[in-house]
Amino acid sequence: MTERISTGLILYGIILLILGFVGYLSNPQKAKTSLFSGGGMGVLSILLGYFSKLPFVLPLSFILIILFSLMLLWRAAITWKLVQAGNKNKLFAASLLSIMLFLSLLTLGYLYLAQK
């Protein structure tokens, strides 16, 4: 059980780091938040995965991923509205945010099933 949780959190963290870096590379002038949010949550997730044997890690992981998901949902909704209004330059950012949100929701489901 703990190995599955650890693996899931570490994999989630690595993918977030990659996606955050991709977002940053797409527009280095304006996409620093992608690097900070994806990278920051990615590092936290990797650390939580590394320390997954501690009893507080799983509840803390759920809380952090839920909060991160809510932030992603908020940012994706705003960005998709800009795309819908005709700002096609935001399409990549909106898609990336949506992918990160989907990944976060998948990870929540995986952690829930892995704890049983």
PDB file of N, CA and C in Angstrom:
ATOM      1  N   MET A   1       0.830  -1.193   0.000  1.00  0.00           N
ATOM      2  CA  MET A   1       0.000   0.000   0.000  1.00  0.00           C
ATOM      3  C   MET A   1       0.874   1.256   0.000  1.00  0.00           C
ATOM      4  N   THR A   2       1.817   1.330   0.923  1.00  0.00           N
ATOM      5  CA  THR A   2       2.665   2.507   1.021  1.00  0.00           C
ATOM      6  C   THR A   2       3.519   2.690  -0.229  1.00  0.00           C
ATOM      7  N   GLU A   3       3.969   1.582  -0.823  1.00  0.00           N
ATOM      8  CA  GLU A   3       4.764   1.680  -2.050  1.00  0.00           C
ATOM      9  C   GLU A   3       3.934   2.257  -3.195  1.00  0.00           C
ATOM     10  N   ARG A   4       2.678   1.849  -3.294  1.00  0.00           N
ATOM     11  CA  ARG A   4       1.804   2.375  -4.360  1.00  0.00           C
ATOM     12  C   ARG A   4       1.556   3.864  -4.166  1.00  0.00           C
ATOM     13  N   ILE A   5       1.359   4.271  -2.913  1.00  0.00           N
ATOM     14  CA  ILE A   5       1.143   5.689  -2.622  1.00  0.00           C
ATOM     15  C   ILE A   5       2.398   6.483  -2.943  1.00  0.00           C
ATOM     16  N   SER A   6       3.541   5.965  -2.516  1.00  0.00           N
ATOM     17  CA  SER A   6       4.813   6.627  -2.784  1.00  0.00           C
ATOM     18  C   SER A   6       5.059   6.766  -4.286  1.00  0.00           C
ATOM     19  N   THR A   7       4.869   5.698  -5.017  1.00  0.00           N
ATOM     20  CA  THR A   7       5.071   5.716  -6.461  1.00  0.00           C
ATOM     21  C   THR A   7       4.122   6.703  -7.136  1.00  0.00           C
ATOM     22  N   GLY A   8       2.859   6.692  -6.729  1.00  0.00           N
ATOM     23  CA  GLY A   8       1.875   7.608  -7.308  1.00  0.00           C
ATOM     24  C   GLY A   8       2.229   9.061  -7.072  1.00  0.00           C
ATOM     25  N   LEU A   9       2.629   9.395  -5.847  1.00  0.00           N
ATOM     26  CA  LEU A   9       2.972  10.781  -5.530  1.00  0.00           C
ATOM     27  C   LEU A   9       4.237  11.231  -6.258  1.00  0.00           C
ATOM     28  N   ILE A  10       5.222  10.359  -6.327  1.00  0.00           N
ATOM     29  CA  ILE A  10       6.469  10.719  -7.009  1.00  0.00           C
ATOM     30  C   ILE A  10       6.229  10.884  -8.506  1.00  0.00           C
ATOM     31  N   LEU A  11       5.486   9.984  -9.109  1.00  0.00           N
ATOM     32  CA  LEU A  11       5.180  10.089 -10.534  1.00  0.00           C
ATOM     33  C   LEU A  11       4.372  11.360 -10.828  1.00  0.00           C
ATOM     34  N   TYR A  12       3.387  11.637  -9.997  1.00  0.00           N
ATOM     35  CA  TYR A  12       2.588  12.861 -10.127  1.00  0.00           C
ATOM     36  C   TYR A  12       3.500  14.091 -10.051  1.00  0.00           C
ATOM     37  N   GLY A  13       4.419  14.080  -9.101  1.00  0.00           N
ATOM     38  CA  GLY A  13       5.338  15.203  -8.944  1.00  0.00           C
ATOM     39  C   GLY A  13       6.238  15.398 -10.139  1.00  0.00           C
ATOM     40  N   ILE A  14       6.765  14.315 -10.679  1.00  0.00           N
ATOM     41  CA  ILE A  14       7.647  14.410 -11.844  1.00  0.00           C
ATOM     42  C   ILE A  14       6.885  14.960 -13.050  1.00  0.00           C
ATOM     43  N   ILE A  15       5.680  14.467 -13.263  1.00  0.00           N
ATOM     44  CA  ILE A  15       4.883  14.946 -14.399  1.00  0.00           C
ATOM     45  C   ILE A  15       4.535  16.424 -14.226  1.00  0.00           C
ATOM     46  N   LEU A  16       4.205  16.837 -12.999  1.00  0.00           N
ATOM     47  CA  LEU A  16       3.915  18.254 -12.760  1.00  0.00           C
ATOM     48  C   LEU A  16       5.140  19.121 -13.027  1.00  0.00           C
ATOM     49  N   LEU A  17       6.304  18.653 -12.609  1.00  0.00           N
ATOM     50  CA  LEU A  17       7.535  19.397 -12.890  1.00  0.00           C
ATOM     51  C   LEU A  17       7.729  19.577 -14.393  1.00  0.00           C
ATOM     52  N   ILE A  18       7.532  18.508 -15.133  1.00  0.00           N
ATOM     53  CA  ILE A  18       7.692  18.564 -16.587  1.00  0.00           C
ATOM     54  C   ILE A  18       6.674  19.524 -17.205  1.00  0.00           C
ATOM     55  N   LEU A  19       5.404  19.394 -16.807  1.00  0.00           N
ATOM     56  CA  LEU A  19       4.361  20.262 -17.367  1.00  0.00           C
ATOM     57  C   LEU A  19       4.586  21.723 -16.990  1.00  0.00           C
ATOM     58  N   GLY A  20       5.031  21.967 -15.767  1.00  0.00           N
ATOM     59  CA  GLY A  20       5.337  23.335 -15.348  1.00  0.00           C
ATOM     60  C   GLY A  20       6.467  23.925 -16.177  1.00  0.00           C
ATOM     61  N   PHE A  21       7.481  23.123 -16.466  1.00  0.00           N
ATOM     62  CA  PHE A  21       8.603  23.579 -17.279  1.00  0.00           C
ATOM     63  C   PHE A  21       8.169  23.814 -18.724  1.00  0.00           C
ATOM     64  N   VAL A  22       7.329  22.924 -19.248  1.00  0.00           N
ATOM     65  CA  VAL A  22       6.802  23.099 -20.609  1.00  0.00           C
ATOM     66  C   VAL A  22       5.997  24.398 -20.696  1.00  0.00           C
ATOM     67  N   GLY A  23       5.169  24.646 -19.690  1.00  0.00           N
ATOM     68  CA  GLY A  23       4.396  25.884 -19.671  1.00  0.00           C
ATOM     69  C   GLY A  23       5.288  27.112 -19.642  1.00  0.00           C
ATOM     70  N   TYR A  24       6.339  27.034 -18.859  1.00  0.00           N
ATOM     71  CA  TYR A  24       7.283  28.144 -18.786  1.00  0.00           C
ATOM     72  C   TYR A  24       7.976  28.358 -20.139  1.00  0.00           C
ATOM     73  N   LEU A  25       8.408  27.270 -20.772  1.00  0.00           N
ATOM     74  CA  LEU A  25       9.097  27.378 -22.060  1.00  0.00           C
ATOM     75  C   LEU A  25       8.195  27.934 -23.157  1.00  0.00           C
ATOM     76  N   SER A  26       6.885  27.728 -23.010  1.00  0.00           N
ATOM     77  CA  SER A  26       5.956  28.225 -24.026  1.00  0.00           C
ATOM     78  C   SER A  26       5.914  29.749 -24.074  1.00  0.00           C
ATOM     79  N   ASN A  27       6.222  30.388 -22.950  1.00  0.00           N
ATOM     80  CA  ASN A  27       6.213  31.848 -22.886  1.00  0.00           C
ATOM     81  C   ASN A  27       7.013  32.299 -21.660  1.00  0.00           C
ATOM     82  N   PRO A  28       8.345  32.282 -21.745  1.00  0.00           N
ATOM     83  CA  PRO A  28       9.174  32.592 -20.568  1.00  0.00           C
ATOM     84  C   PRO A  28       8.920  33.975 -19.960  1.00  0.00           C
ATOM     85  N   GLN A  29       8.436  34.904 -20.760  1.00  0.00           N
ATOM     86  CA  GLN A  29       8.185  36.252 -20.248  1.00  0.00           C
ATOM     87  C   GLN A  29       6.993  36.300 -19.279  1.00  0.00           C
ATOM     88  N   LYS A  30       5.955  35.507 -19.589  1.00  0.00           N
ATOM     89  CA  LYS A  30       4.712  35.613 -18.829  1.00  0.00           C
ATOM     90  C   LYS A  30       4.308  34.344 -18.101  1.00  0.00           C
ATOM     91  N   ALA A  31       5.010  33.244 -18.301  1.00  0.00           N
ATOM     92  CA  ALA A  31       4.551  31.964 -17.751  1.00  0.00           C
ATOM     93  C   ALA A  31       5.382  31.499 -16.552  1.00  0.00           C
ATOM     94  N   LYS A  32       5.900  32.431 -15.783  1.00  0.00           N
ATOM     95  CA  LYS A  32       6.657  32.055 -14.588  1.00  0.00           C
ATOM     96  C   LYS A  32       5.771  31.347 -13.567  1.00  0.00           C
ATOM     97  N   THR A  33       4.484  31.694 -13.537  1.00  0.00           N
ATOM     98  CA  THR A  33       3.573  31.045 -12.590  1.00  0.00           C
ATOM     99  C   THR A  33       3.431  29.556 -12.901  1.00  0.00           C
ATOM    100  N   SER A  34       3.519  29.195 -14.166  1.00  0.00           N
ATOM    101  CA  SER A  34       3.449  27.778 -14.532  1.00  0.00           C
ATOM    102  C   SER A  34       4.626  27.031 -13.933  1.00  0.00           C
ATOM    103  N   LEU A  35       5.793  27.636 -14.012  1.00  0.00           N
ATOM    104  CA  LEU A  35       6.992  27.020 -13.443  1.00  0.00           C
ATOM    105  C   LEU A  35       6.884  26.931 -11.932  1.00  0.00           C
ATOM    106  N   PHE A  36       6.413  28.006 -11.301  1.00  0.00           N
ATOM    107  CA  PHE A  36       6.322  28.023  -9.843  1.00  0.00           C
ATOM    108  C   PHE A  36       5.234  27.089  -9.320  1.00  0.00           C
ATOM    109  N   SER A  37       4.066  27.118  -9.935  1.00  0.00           N
ATOM    110  CA  SER A  37       2.979  26.280  -9.418  1.00  0.00           C
ATOM    111  C   SER A  37       3.202  24.807  -9.753  1.00  0.00           C
ATOM    112  N   GLY A  38       3.490  24.504 -11.006  1.00  0.00           N
ATOM    113  CA  GLY A  38       3.753  23.117 -11.387  1.00  0.00           C
ATOM    114  C   GLY A  38       5.003  22.577 -10.706  1.00  0.00           C
ATOM    115  N   GLY A  39       6.048  23.389 -10.708  1.00  0.00           N
ATOM    116  CA  GLY A  39       7.293  22.972 -10.076  1.00  0.00           C
ATOM    117  C   GLY A  39       7.172  22.852  -8.568  1.00  0.00           C
ATOM    118  N   GLY A  40       6.512  23.830  -7.959  1.00  0.00           N
ATOM    119  CA  GLY A  40       6.350  23.804  -6.507  1.00  0.00           C
ATOM    120  C   GLY A  40       5.535  22.621  -6.027  1.00  0.00           C
ATOM    121  N   MET A  41       4.400  22.401  -6.673  1.00  0.00           N
ATOM    122  CA  MET A  41       3.562  21.261  -6.294  1.00  0.00           C
ATOM    123  C   MET A  41       4.254  19.953  -6.663  1.00  0.00           C
ATOM    124  N   GLY A  42       5.008  19.960  -7.755  1.00  0.00           N
ATOM    125  CA  GLY A  42       5.743  18.769  -8.147  1.00  0.00           C
ATOM    126  C   GLY A  42       6.777  18.378  -7.102  1.00  0.00           C
ATOM    127  N   VAL A  43       7.533  19.348  -6.629  1.00  0.00           N
ATOM    128  CA  VAL A  43       8.550  19.078  -5.599  1.00  0.00           C
ATOM    129  C   VAL A  43       7.882  18.613  -4.308  1.00  0.00           C
ATOM    130  N   LEU A  44       6.800  19.287  -3.916  1.00  0.00           N
ATOM    131  CA  LEU A  44       6.072  18.862  -2.707  1.00  0.00           C
ATOM    132  C   LEU A  44       5.579  17.426  -2.831  1.00  0.00           C
ATOM    133  N   SER A  45       5.039  17.094  -3.978  1.00  0.00           N
ATOM    134  CA  SER A  45       4.519  15.750  -4.189  1.00  0.00           C
ATOM    135  C   SER A  45       5.636  14.704  -4.136  1.00  0.00           C
ATOM    136  N   ILE A  46       6.767  15.016  -4.721  1.00  0.00           N
ATOM    137  CA  ILE A  46       7.904  14.092  -4.668  1.00  0.00           C
ATOM    138  C   ILE A  46       8.365  13.896  -3.228  1.00  0.00           C
ATOM    139  N   LEU A  47       8.443  14.979  -2.478  1.00  0.00           N
ATOM    140  CA  LEU A  47       8.828  14.876  -1.067  1.00  0.00           C
ATOM    141  C   LEU A  47       7.816  14.060  -0.264  1.00  0.00           C
ATOM    142  N   LEU A  48       6.539  14.297  -0.515  1.00  0.00           N
ATOM    143  CA  LEU A  48       5.509  13.518   0.173  1.00  0.00           C
ATOM    144  C   LEU A  48       5.608  12.040  -0.187  1.00  0.00           C
ATOM    145  N   GLY A  49       5.898  11.766  -1.450  1.00  0.00           N
ATOM    146  CA  GLY A  49       6.083  10.382  -1.869  1.00  0.00           C
ATOM    147  C   GLY A  49       7.265   9.736  -1.178  1.00  0.00           C
ATOM    148  N   TYR A  50       8.326  10.488  -1.032  1.00  0.00           N
ATOM    149  CA  TYR A  50       9.533   9.978  -0.372  1.00  0.00           C
ATOM    150  C   TYR A  50       9.267   9.661   1.108  1.00  0.00           C
ATOM    151  N   PHE A  51       8.439  10.488   1.746  1.00  0.00           N
ATOM    152  CA  PHE A  51       8.130  10.301   3.167  1.00  0.00           C
ATOM    153  C   PHE A  51       6.757   9.653   3.381  1.00  0.00           C
ATOM    154  N   SER A  52       6.298   8.881   2.425  1.00  0.00           N
ATOM    155  CA  SER A  52       4.933   8.346   2.462  1.00  0.00           C
ATOM    156  C   SER A  52       4.668   7.382   3.627  1.00  0.00           C
ATOM    157  N   LYS A  53       5.681   6.910   4.297  1.00  0.00           N
ATOM    158  CA  LYS A  53       5.467   6.004   5.429  1.00  0.00           C
ATOM    159  C   LYS A  53       5.006   6.746   6.681  1.00  0.00           C
ATOM    160  N   LEU A  54       5.177   8.061   6.688  1.00  0.00           N
ATOM    161  CA  LEU A  54       4.712   8.840   7.835  1.00  0.00           C
ATOM    162  C   LEU A  54       3.194   8.911   7.812  1.00  0.00           C
ATOM    163  N   PRO A  55       2.556   8.805   8.988  1.00  0.00           N
ATOM    164  CA  PRO A  55       1.087   8.702   9.017  1.00  0.00           C
ATOM    165  C   PRO A  55       0.334   9.935   8.519  1.00  0.00           C
ATOM    166  N   PHE A  56       0.924  11.107   8.573  1.00  0.00           N
ATOM    167  CA  PHE A  56       0.205  12.318   8.174  1.00  0.00           C
ATOM    168  C   PHE A  56       0.329  12.623   6.685  1.00  0.00           C
ATOM    169  N   VAL A  57       1.158  11.864   5.973  1.00  0.00           N
ATOM    170  CA  VAL A  57       1.441  12.188   4.572  1.00  0.00           C
ATOM    171  C   VAL A  57       0.222  12.010   3.674  1.00  0.00           C
ATOM    172  N   LEU A  58      -0.506  10.935   3.818  1.00  0.00           N
ATOM    173  CA  LEU A  58      -1.649  10.711   2.929  1.00  0.00           C
ATOM    174  C   LEU A  58      -2.732  11.775   3.108  1.00  0.00           C
ATOM    175  N   PRO A  59      -3.158  12.083   4.344  1.00  0.00           N
ATOM    176  CA  PRO A  59      -4.153  13.163   4.477  1.00  0.00           C
ATOM    177  C   PRO A  59      -3.632  14.508   3.962  1.00  0.00           C
ATOM    178  N   LEU A  60      -2.365  14.794   4.223  1.00  0.00           N
ATOM    179  CA  LEU A  60      -1.783  16.043   3.738  1.00  0.00           C
ATOM    180  C   LEU A  60      -1.745  16.064   2.212  1.00  0.00           C
ATOM    181  N   SER A  61      -1.431  14.939   1.607  1.00  0.00           N
ATOM    182  CA  SER A  61      -1.410  14.842   0.145  1.00  0.00           C
ATOM    183  C   SER A  61      -2.787  15.130  -0.437  1.00  0.00           C
ATOM    184  N   PHE A  62      -3.819  14.534   0.163  1.00  0.00           N
ATOM    185  CA  PHE A  62      -5.190  14.790  -0.307  1.00  0.00           C
ATOM    186  C   PHE A  62      -5.518  16.275  -0.230  1.00  0.00           C
ATOM    187  N   ILE A  63      -5.212  16.887   0.896  1.00  0.00           N
ATOM    188  CA  ILE A  63      -5.530  18.306   1.092  1.00  0.00           C
ATOM    189  C   ILE A  63      -4.805  19.168   0.061  1.00  0.00           C
ATOM    190  N   LEU A  64      -3.507  18.938  -0.102  1.00  0.00           N
ATOM    191  CA  LEU A  64      -2.730  19.751  -1.040  1.00  0.00           C
ATOM    192  C   LEU A  64      -3.178  19.555  -2.480  1.00  0.00           C
ATOM    193  N   ILE A  65      -3.455  18.320  -2.862  1.00  0.00           N
ATOM    194  CA  ILE A  65      -3.875  18.071  -4.252  1.00  0.00           C
ATOM    195  C   ILE A  65      -5.267  18.645  -4.508  1.00  0.00           C
ATOM    196  N   ILE A  66      -6.151  18.575  -3.522  1.00  0.00           N
ATOM    197  CA  ILE A  66      -7.481  19.185  -3.681  1.00  0.00           C
ATOM    198  C   ILE A  66      -7.356  20.695  -3.826  1.00  0.00           C
ATOM    199  N   LEU A  67      -6.543  21.328  -2.987  1.00  0.00           N
ATOM    200  CA  LEU A  67      -6.351  22.778  -3.093  1.00  0.00           C
ATOM    201  C   LEU A  67      -5.711  23.159  -4.426  1.00  0.00           C
ATOM    202  N   PHE A  68      -4.723  22.395  -4.848  1.00  0.00           N
ATOM    203  CA  PHE A  68      -4.065  22.638  -6.138  1.00  0.00           C
ATOM    204  C   PHE A  68      -5.068  22.465  -7.282  1.00  0.00           C
ATOM    205  N   SER A  69      -5.926  21.451  -7.180  1.00  0.00           N
ATOM    206  CA  SER A  69      -6.951  21.215  -8.206  1.00  0.00           C
ATOM    207  C   SER A  69      -7.937  22.371  -8.286  1.00  0.00           C
ATOM    208  N   LEU A  70      -8.316  22.904  -7.143  1.00  0.00           N
ATOM    209  CA  LEU A  70      -9.231  24.054  -7.141  1.00  0.00           C
ATOM    210  C   LEU A  70      -8.580  25.267  -7.794  1.00  0.00           C
ATOM    211  N   MET A  71      -7.301  25.472  -7.518  1.00  0.00           N
ATOM    212  CA  MET A  71      -6.579  26.573  -8.151  1.00  0.00           C
ATOM    213  C   MET A  71      -6.505  26.359  -9.663  1.00  0.00           C
ATOM    214  N   LEU A  72      -6.223  25.122 -10.072  1.00  0.00           N
ATOM    215  CA  LEU A  72      -6.150  24.820 -11.507  1.00  0.00           C
ATOM    216  C   LEU A  72      -7.509  25.013 -12.178  1.00  0.00           C
ATOM    217  N   LEU A  73      -8.574  24.594 -11.511  1.00  0.00           N
ATOM    218  CA  LEU A  73      -9.919  24.769 -12.050  1.00  0.00           C
ATOM    219  C   LEU A  73     -10.230  26.247 -12.250  1.00  0.00           C
ATOM    220  N   TRP A  74      -9.904  27.055 -11.259  1.00  0.00           N
ATOM    221  CA  TRP A  74     -10.128  28.497 -11.334  1.00  0.00           C
ATOM    222  C   TRP A  74      -9.336  29.113 -12.485  1.00  0.00           C
ATOM    223  N   ARG A  75      -8.043  28.787 -12.576  1.00  0.00           N
ATOM    224  CA  ARG A  75      -7.196  29.346 -13.631  1.00  0.00           C
ATOM    225  C   ARG A  75      -7.619  28.847 -15.014  1.00  0.00           C
ATOM    226  N   ALA A  76      -7.977  27.574 -15.113  1.00  0.00           N
ATOM    227  CA  ALA A  76      -8.405  27.027 -16.403  1.00  0.00           C
ATOM    228  C   ALA A  76      -9.703  27.690 -16.865  1.00  0.00           C
ATOM    229  N   ALA A  77     -10.636  27.887 -15.950  1.00  0.00           N
ATOM    230  CA  ALA A  77     -11.908  28.523 -16.318  1.00  0.00           C
ATOM    231  C   ALA A  77     -11.684  29.933 -16.846  1.00  0.00           C
ATOM    232  N   ILE A  78     -10.841  30.687 -16.170  1.00  0.00           N
ATOM    233  CA  ILE A  78     -10.539  32.053 -16.616  1.00  0.00           C
ATOM    234  C   ILE A  78      -9.869  32.026 -17.995  1.00  0.00           C
ATOM    235  N   THR A  79      -8.915  31.131 -18.164  1.00  0.00           N
ATOM    236  CA  THR A  79      -8.164  31.074 -19.412  1.00  0.00           C
ATOM    237  C   THR A  79      -9.029  30.582 -20.569  1.00  0.00           C
ATOM    238  N   TRP A  80      -9.897  29.594 -20.305  1.00  0.00           N
ATOM    239  CA  TRP A  80     -10.796  29.133 -21.371  1.00  0.00           C
ATOM    240  C   TRP A  80     -11.782  30.226 -21.767  1.00  0.00           C
ATOM    241  N   LYS A  81     -12.197  31.072 -20.814  1.00  0.00           N
ATOM    242  CA  LYS A  81     -13.074  32.195 -21.158  1.00  0.00           C
ATOM    243  C   LYS A  81     -12.361  33.166 -22.089  1.00  0.00           C
ATOM    244  N   LEU A  82     -11.063  33.377 -21.846  1.00  0.00           N
ATOM    245  CA  LEU A  82     -10.293  34.248 -22.737  1.00  0.00           C
ATOM    246  C   LEU A  82     -10.190  33.643 -24.139  1.00  0.00           C
ATOM    247  N   VAL A  83      -9.995  32.338 -24.209  1.00  0.00           N
ATOM    248  CA  VAL A  83      -9.941  31.659 -25.515  1.00  0.00           C
ATOM    249  C   VAL A  83     -11.279  31.805 -26.219  1.00  0.00           C
ATOM    250  N   GLN A  84     -12.357  31.588 -25.472  1.00  0.00           N
ATOM    251  CA  GLN A  84     -13.696  31.690 -26.048  1.00  0.00           C
ATOM    252  C   GLN A  84     -13.982  33.111 -26.550  1.00  0.00           C
ATOM    253  N   ALA A  85     -13.390  34.093 -25.877  1.00  0.00           N
ATOM    254  CA  ALA A  85     -13.593  35.485 -26.282  1.00  0.00           C
ATOM    255  C   ALA A  85     -12.739  35.871 -27.489  1.00  0.00           C
ATOM    256  N   GLY A  86     -11.933  34.932 -27.981  1.00  0.00           N
ATOM    257  CA  GLY A  86     -11.164  35.197 -29.186  1.00  0.00           C
ATOM    258  C   GLY A  86      -9.659  35.282 -28.996  1.00  0.00           C
ATOM    259  N   ASN A  87      -9.185  35.168 -27.775  1.00  0.00           N
ATOM    260  CA  ASN A  87      -7.743  35.238 -27.514  1.00  0.00           C
ATOM    261  C   ASN A  87      -7.127  33.855 -27.723  1.00  0.00           C
ATOM    262  N   LYS A  88      -6.796  33.542 -28.959  1.00  0.00           N
ATOM    263  CA  LYS A  88      -6.263  32.211 -29.310  1.00  0.00           C
ATOM    264  C   LYS A  88      -4.857  31.991 -28.748  1.00  0.00           C
ATOM    265  N   ASN A  89      -4.190  33.068 -28.327  1.00  0.00           N
ATOM    266  CA  ASN A  89      -2.865  32.926 -27.721  1.00  0.00           C
ATOM    267  C   ASN A  89      -2.917  32.181 -26.388  1.00  0.00           C
ATOM    268  N   LYS A  90      -4.079  32.112 -25.779  1.00  0.00           N
ATOM    269  CA  LYS A  90      -4.236  31.460 -24.475  1.00  0.00           C
ATOM    270  C   LYS A  90      -4.619  29.985 -24.594  1.00  0.00           C
ATOM    271  N   LEU A  91      -4.757  29.492 -25.812  1.00  0.00           N
ATOM    272  CA  LEU A  91      -5.192  28.105 -26.013  1.00  0.00           C
ATOM    273  C   LEU A  91      -4.218  27.108 -25.401  1.00  0.00           C
ATOM    274  N   PHE A  92      -2.927  27.313 -25.585  1.00  0.00           N
ATOM    275  CA  PHE A  92      -1.936  26.397 -25.023  1.00  0.00           C
ATOM    276  C   PHE A  92      -1.994  26.396 -23.502  1.00  0.00           C
ATOM    277  N   ALA A  93      -2.060  27.590 -22.913  1.00  0.00           N
ATOM    278  CA  ALA A  93      -2.117  27.691 -21.445  1.00  0.00           C
ATOM    279  C   ALA A  93      -3.381  27.036 -20.898  1.00  0.00           C
ATOM    280  N   ALA A  94      -4.504  27.269 -21.550  1.00  0.00           N
ATOM    281  CA  ALA A  94      -5.764  26.671 -21.097  1.00  0.00           C
ATOM    282  C   ALA A  94      -5.701  25.152 -21.186  1.00  0.00           C
ATOM    283  N   SER A  95      -5.127  24.645 -22.260  1.00  0.00           N
ATOM    284  CA  SER A  95      -4.995  23.195 -22.428  1.00  0.00           C
ATOM    285  C   SER A  95      -4.065  22.602 -21.374  1.00  0.00           C
ATOM    286  N   LEU A  96      -2.949  23.274 -21.130  1.00  0.00           N
ATOM    287  CA  LEU A  96      -1.992  22.791 -20.134  1.00  0.00           C
ATOM    288  C   LEU A  96      -2.605  22.777 -18.737  1.00  0.00           C
ATOM    289  N   LEU A  97      -3.323  23.823 -18.390  1.00  0.00           N
ATOM    290  CA  LEU A  97      -4.001  23.869 -17.089  1.00  0.00           C
ATOM    291  C   LEU A  97      -5.026  22.741 -16.967  1.00  0.00           C
ATOM    292  N   SER A  98      -5.742  22.483 -18.041  1.00  0.00           N
ATOM    293  CA  SER A  98      -6.740  21.418 -18.031  1.00  0.00           C
ATOM    294  C   SER A  98      -6.091  20.047 -17.887  1.00  0.00           C
ATOM    295  N   ILE A  99      -4.954  19.850 -18.545  1.00  0.00           N
ATOM    296  CA  ILE A  99      -4.227  18.583 -18.415  1.00  0.00           C
ATOM    297  C   ILE A  99      -3.746  18.393 -16.970  1.00  0.00           C
ATOM    298  N   MET A 100      -3.224  19.453 -16.388  1.00  0.00           N
ATOM    299  CA  MET A 100      -2.754  19.372 -15.001  1.00  0.00           C
ATOM    300  C   MET A 100      -3.916  19.084 -14.047  1.00  0.00           C
ATOM    301  N   LEU A 101      -5.061  19.693 -14.315  1.00  0.00           N
ATOM    302  CA  LEU A 101      -6.248  19.433 -13.493  1.00  0.00           C
ATOM    303  C   LEU A 101      -6.684  17.980 -13.614  1.00  0.00           C
ATOM    304  N   PHE A 102      -6.742  17.479 -14.842  1.00  0.00           N
ATOM    305  CA  PHE A 102      -7.125  16.094 -15.075  1.00  0.00           C
ATOM    306  C   PHE A 102      -6.154  15.143 -14.372  1.00  0.00           C
ATOM    307  N   LEU A 103      -4.865  15.420 -14.485  1.00  0.00           N
ATOM    308  CA  LEU A 103      -3.846  14.609 -13.814  1.00  0.00           C
ATOM    309  C   LEU A 103      -4.030  14.641 -12.291  1.00  0.00           C
ATOM    310  N   SER A 104      -4.345  15.799 -11.755  1.00  0.00           N
ATOM    311  CA  SER A 104      -4.555  15.929 -10.315  1.00  0.00           C
ATOM    312  C   SER A 104      -5.761  15.116  -9.854  1.00  0.00           C
ATOM    313  N   LEU A 105      -6.831  15.167 -10.624  1.00  0.00           N
ATOM    314  CA  LEU A 105      -8.025  14.395 -10.266  1.00  0.00           C
ATOM    315  C   LEU A 105      -7.763  12.895 -10.374  1.00  0.00           C
ATOM    316  N   LEU A 106      -7.017  12.489 -11.396  1.00  0.00           N
ATOM    317  CA  LEU A 106      -6.627  11.080 -11.515  1.00  0.00           C
ATOM    318  C   LEU A 106      -5.787  10.643 -10.319  1.00  0.00           C
ATOM    319  N   THR A 107      -4.875  11.495  -9.902  1.00  0.00           N
ATOM    320  CA  THR A 107      -4.012  11.172  -8.761  1.00  0.00           C
ATOM    321  C   THR A 107      -4.830  11.048  -7.489  1.00  0.00           C
ATOM    322  N   LEU A 108      -5.800  11.919  -7.298  1.00  0.00           N
ATOM    323  CA  LEU A 108      -6.672  11.798  -6.126  1.00  0.00           C
ATOM    324  C   LEU A 108      -7.390  10.452  -6.124  1.00  0.00           C
ATOM    325  N   GLY A 109      -7.917  10.052  -7.258  1.00  0.00           N
ATOM    326  CA  GLY A 109      -8.587   8.758  -7.363  1.00  0.00           C
ATOM    327  C   GLY A 109      -7.621   7.613  -7.112  1.00  0.00           C
ATOM    328  N   TYR A 110      -6.431   7.715  -7.660  1.00  0.00           N
ATOM    329  CA  TYR A 110      -5.417   6.668  -7.463  1.00  0.00           C
ATOM    330  C   TYR A 110      -5.050   6.548  -5.993  1.00  0.00           C
ATOM    331  N   LEU A 111      -4.826   7.673  -5.320  1.00  0.00           N
ATOM    332  CA  LEU A 111      -4.465   7.636  -3.898  1.00  0.00           C
ATOM    333  C   LEU A 111      -5.592   7.060  -3.064  1.00  0.00           C
ATOM    334  N   TYR A 112      -6.820   7.427  -3.421  1.00  0.00           N
ATOM    335  CA  TYR A 112      -7.966   6.891  -2.682  1.00  0.00           C
ATOM    336  C   TYR A 112      -8.028   5.378  -2.804  1.00  0.00           C
ATOM    337  N   LEU A 113      -7.856   4.867  -4.005  1.00  0.00           N
ATOM    338  CA  LEU A 113      -7.893   3.413  -4.219  1.00  0.00           C
ATOM    339  C   LEU A 113      -6.666   2.721  -3.621  1.00  0.00           C
ATOM    340  N   ALA A 114      -5.525   3.377  -3.629  1.00  0.00           N
ATOM    341  CA  ALA A 114      -4.287   2.771  -3.115  1.00  0.00           C
ATOM    342  C   ALA A 114      -4.293   2.636  -1.605  1.00  0.00           C
ATOM    343  N   GLN A 115      -5.066   3.466  -0.921  1.00  0.00           N
ATOM    344  CA  GLN A 115      -5.091   3.406   0.542  1.00  0.00           C
ATOM    345  C   GLN A 115      -5.932   2.249   1.076  1.00  0.00           C
ATOM    346  N   LYS A 116      -6.757   1.670   0.214  1.00  0.00           N
ATOM    347  CA  LYS A 116      -7.638   0.599   0.671  1.00  0.00           C
ATOM    348  C   LYS A 116      -6.949  -0.734   0.662  1.00  0.00           C
TER     349      LYS A 116
END
